[in-house]
Amino acid sequence: MSYYFNKIVKSKDFEAVIDQTTAILKTEGFGVLTEINIQKAFKEKIDVDFKKYRILGACNPHFAHKALLVEDKIGVFLPCNIIVEEHENGDIEVSAVDPIASMGAVNNDALGGFALEVQEKMKSVIDKLD
């Protein structure tokens, strides 16, 4: 079982893919709470050159609230991470966490419905990229 969904996007540059991913997340009810620029952080912190690689921390407040009400430690899995990375050949890959895989270790059946709904939305985000 894979722990993520992904898609290669060839028709746009890196920043355009970030913008499109953010816009699609919004249509699915998610906002981007955090954005971590790994390329920049590695250069600044350890003086290492690294490919373009961004982590978007996406959150749907309604799902997060419901999940936290039934399992207060579920916050260790929040927000839902999506990565955008540029490969050597110029392809840009977008990958989103599979919430069912990430929450599989939590022993709380009440989370199953939430995880399934969020999984559907994450798949939709990936599917809508062009």
Foldseek 3Di string as FASTA:
>chain_A
DDFKDKDKDQPDAQVVLVVLLQVLLVVLQKHFPDKDFPQVCCCVPVNDGDFGKMKTFIDRVVLVVVVCVQPVVCCVCHDWIWMWTADPVRIIMIMTGQQCVVCVVPDGPVCVVSSVSVNVSNVVSNVPHD
